[in-house]
């Protein structure tokens, strides 16, 4: 069985769908903002977009 870190799970989801909401990310881990920070520190470009109310969308931009 392949055991992925929380950061790897989030990156896998973002690569698969191109985006994820804060609700989807909170199912992986409650401190998803820290994992997004880690991914950004690794050089991934992740854009935060406010949708409505407490809903946010995080979009992974492909490297050019």
N, C-alpha and C. Protein backbone atom coordinates (compact mmCIF):
# COMPACT_ATOMS: atom_id res chain seq x y z
N UNK A 1 0.85 -1.18 0.00
CA UNK A 1 0.00 0.00 0.00
C UNK A 1 0.89 1.24 0.00
N UNK A 2 0.56 2.19 -0.85
CA UNK A 2 1.33 3.41 -0.98
C UNK A 2 0.82 4.44 0.01
N UNK A 3 1.68 4.81 0.97
CA UNK A 3 1.28 5.78 1.99
C UNK A 3 1.81 7.16 1.61
N UNK A 4 0.90 8.06 1.26
CA UNK A 4 1.27 9.41 0.86
C UNK A 4 1.15 10.36 2.04
N UNK A 5 2.01 11.37 2.05
CA UNK A 5 1.90 12.43 3.05
C UNK A 5 0.70 13.29 2.73
N UNK A 6 0.29 14.10 3.68
CA UNK A 6 -0.83 15.01 3.44
C UNK A 6 -0.51 15.97 2.29
N UNK A 7 0.73 16.44 2.26
CA UNK A 7 1.15 17.35 1.20
C UNK A 7 1.06 16.66 -0.16
N UNK A 8 1.51 15.42 -0.23
CA UNK A 8 1.46 14.66 -1.48
C UNK A 8 0.02 14.40 -1.92
N UNK A 9 -0.86 14.13 -0.96
CA UNK A 9 -2.28 13.90 -1.29
C UNK A 9 -2.91 15.16 -1.87
N UNK A 10 -2.59 16.31 -1.29
CA UNK A 10 -3.14 17.57 -1.79
C UNK A 10 -2.60 17.86 -3.18
N UNK A 11 -1.30 17.66 -3.39
CA UNK A 11 -0.72 17.89 -4.71
C UNK A 11 -1.33 16.94 -5.75
N UNK A 12 -1.55 15.70 -5.38
CA UNK A 12 -2.17 14.73 -6.28
C UNK A 12 -3.57 15.19 -6.68
N UNK A 13 -4.35 15.66 -5.72
CA UNK A 13 -5.71 16.14 -5.99
C UNK A 13 -5.67 17.36 -6.91
N UNK A 14 -4.77 18.29 -6.63
CA UNK A 14 -4.67 19.49 -7.46
C UNK A 14 -4.22 19.15 -8.88
N UNK A 15 -3.30 18.22 -9.02
CA UNK A 15 -2.84 17.83 -10.36
C UNK A 15 -3.94 17.10 -11.12
N UNK A 16 -4.72 16.29 -10.42
CA UNK A 16 -5.79 15.53 -11.06
C UNK A 16 -6.91 16.44 -11.55
N UNK A 17 -7.36 17.35 -10.69
CA UNK A 17 -8.52 18.19 -11.00
C UNK A 17 -8.15 19.60 -11.47
N UNK A 18 -6.91 20.01 -11.23
CA UNK A 18 -6.51 21.36 -11.56
C UNK A 18 -6.89 22.38 -10.51
N UNK A 19 -7.81 21.99 -9.63
CA UNK A 19 -8.27 22.88 -8.56
C UNK A 19 -8.93 22.06 -7.46
N UNK A 20 -9.11 22.69 -6.31
CA UNK A 20 -9.81 22.05 -5.19
C UNK A 20 -10.36 23.15 -4.29
N UNK A 21 -11.46 22.85 -3.63
CA UNK A 21 -12.04 23.81 -2.69
C UNK A 21 -11.49 23.55 -1.29
N UNK A 22 -11.68 24.52 -0.41
CA UNK A 22 -11.24 24.34 0.96
C UNK A 22 -12.00 23.19 1.63
N UNK A 23 -13.22 22.91 1.19
CA UNK A 23 -13.97 21.79 1.76
C UNK A 23 -13.32 20.46 1.39
N UNK A 24 -12.88 20.34 0.14
CA UNK A 24 -12.21 19.12 -0.31
C UNK A 24 -10.88 18.94 0.41
N UNK A 25 -10.13 20.03 0.55
CA UNK A 25 -8.83 19.95 1.20
C UNK A 25 -8.94 19.63 2.68
N UNK A 26 -10.01 20.11 3.33
CA UNK A 26 -10.17 19.84 4.76
C UNK A 26 -10.48 18.37 5.03
N UNK A 27 -10.90 17.63 4.00
CA UNK A 27 -11.10 16.18 4.16
C UNK A 27 -9.76 15.44 4.20
N UNK A 28 -8.73 16.05 3.61
CA UNK A 28 -7.40 15.46 3.63
C UNK A 28 -6.70 15.82 4.93
N UNK A 29 -6.73 17.11 5.30
CA UNK A 29 -6.19 17.54 6.58
C UNK A 29 -6.78 18.90 6.95
N UNK A 30 -6.92 19.12 8.23
CA UNK A 30 -7.53 20.37 8.67
C UNK A 30 -6.59 21.55 8.51
N UNK A 31 -5.29 21.31 8.55
CA UNK A 31 -4.31 22.39 8.38
C UNK A 31 -3.83 22.45 6.93
N UNK A 32 -4.80 22.41 6.01
CA UNK A 32 -4.45 22.40 4.59
C UNK A 32 -3.69 23.66 4.18
N UNK A 33 -3.93 24.78 4.87
CA UNK A 33 -3.21 26.01 4.52
C UNK A 33 -1.71 25.86 4.74
N UNK A 34 -1.32 25.12 5.76
CA UNK A 34 0.11 24.87 6.01
C UNK A 34 0.69 23.98 4.92
N UNK A 35 -0.10 23.00 4.46
CA UNK A 35 0.38 22.13 3.38
C UNK A 35 0.48 22.90 2.07
N UNK A 36 -0.46 23.84 1.81
CA UNK A 36 -0.38 24.68 0.62
C UNK A 36 0.86 25.57 0.70
N UNK A 37 1.17 26.06 1.89
CA UNK A 37 2.37 26.85 2.09
C UNK A 37 3.61 26.02 1.75
N UNK A 38 3.64 24.77 2.19
CA UNK A 38 4.76 23.87 1.88
C UNK A 38 4.90 23.67 0.37
N UNK A 39 3.78 23.47 -0.31
CA UNK A 39 3.81 23.27 -1.76
C UNK A 39 4.30 24.52 -2.48
N UNK A 40 3.86 25.67 -2.00
CA UNK A 40 4.33 26.93 -2.61
C UNK A 40 5.83 27.10 -2.38
N UNK A 41 6.31 26.72 -1.20
CA UNK A 41 7.74 26.82 -0.89
C UNK A 41 8.55 25.89 -1.80
N UNK A 42 7.95 24.80 -2.25
CA UNK A 42 8.61 23.87 -3.17
C UNK A 42 8.61 24.41 -4.61
N UNK A 43 7.89 25.51 -4.84
CA UNK A 43 7.89 26.12 -6.17
C UNK A 43 6.60 25.96 -6.95
N UNK A 44 5.60 25.29 -6.38
CA UNK A 44 4.32 25.14 -7.07
C UNK A 44 3.55 26.46 -7.00
N UNK A 45 2.90 26.80 -8.10
CA UNK A 45 2.12 28.04 -8.16
C UNK A 45 0.65 27.67 -7.90
N UNK A 46 0.16 28.10 -6.75
CA UNK A 46 -1.22 27.80 -6.35
C UNK A 46 -1.92 29.13 -6.08
N UNK A 47 -2.97 29.38 -6.84
CA UNK A 47 -3.73 30.62 -6.73
C UNK A 47 -4.96 30.40 -5.85
N UNK A 48 -5.17 31.31 -4.92
CA UNK A 48 -6.36 31.27 -4.05
C UNK A 48 -7.41 32.19 -4.60
N UNK A 49 -8.63 31.68 -4.76
CA UNK A 49 -9.75 32.48 -5.28
C UNK A 49 -10.93 32.36 -4.32
N UNK A 50 -11.44 33.50 -3.89
CA UNK A 50 -12.62 33.50 -3.02
C UNK A 50 -13.85 33.24 -3.88
N UNK A 51 -14.65 32.25 -3.50
CA UNK A 51 -15.85 31.90 -4.26
C UNK A 51 -17.05 32.66 -3.70
N UNK A 52 -17.40 32.36 -2.45
CA UNK A 52 -18.55 33.00 -1.80
C UNK A 52 -18.57 32.58 -0.35
N UNK A 53 -18.86 33.52 0.52
CA UNK A 53 -18.93 33.19 1.94
C UNK A 53 -17.62 32.62 2.44
N UNK A 54 -17.66 31.41 2.97
CA UNK A 54 -16.45 30.78 3.50
C UNK A 54 -15.81 29.81 2.50
N UNK A 55 -16.30 29.80 1.27
CA UNK A 55 -15.77 28.86 0.27
C UNK A 55 -14.65 29.50 -0.55
N UNK A 56 -13.54 28.77 -0.65
CA UNK A 56 -12.38 29.19 -1.42
C UNK A 56 -12.02 28.09 -2.41
N UNK A 57 -11.43 28.49 -3.54
CA UNK A 57 -10.96 27.56 -4.53
C UNK A 57 -9.45 27.78 -4.69
N UNK A 58 -8.71 26.69 -4.77
CA UNK A 58 -7.27 26.75 -4.94
C UNK A 58 -6.94 26.11 -6.28
N UNK A 59 -6.28 26.89 -7.14
CA UNK A 59 -6.00 26.46 -8.52
C UNK A 59 -4.51 26.27 -8.69
N UNK A 60 -4.12 25.10 -9.20
CA UNK A 60 -2.72 24.81 -9.49
C UNK A 60 -2.41 25.28 -10.90
N UNK A 61 -1.47 26.18 -11.02
CA UNK A 61 -1.05 26.68 -12.33
C UNK A 61 0.10 25.81 -12.82
N UNK A 62 -0.01 25.39 -14.07
CA UNK A 62 1.05 24.57 -14.67
C UNK A 62 2.27 25.43 -14.92
N UNK A 63 3.42 24.84 -14.70
CA UNK A 63 4.67 25.56 -14.95
C UNK A 63 4.87 25.71 -16.45
N UNK A 64 5.33 26.87 -16.85
CA UNK A 64 5.48 27.15 -18.28
C UNK A 64 6.87 26.84 -18.76
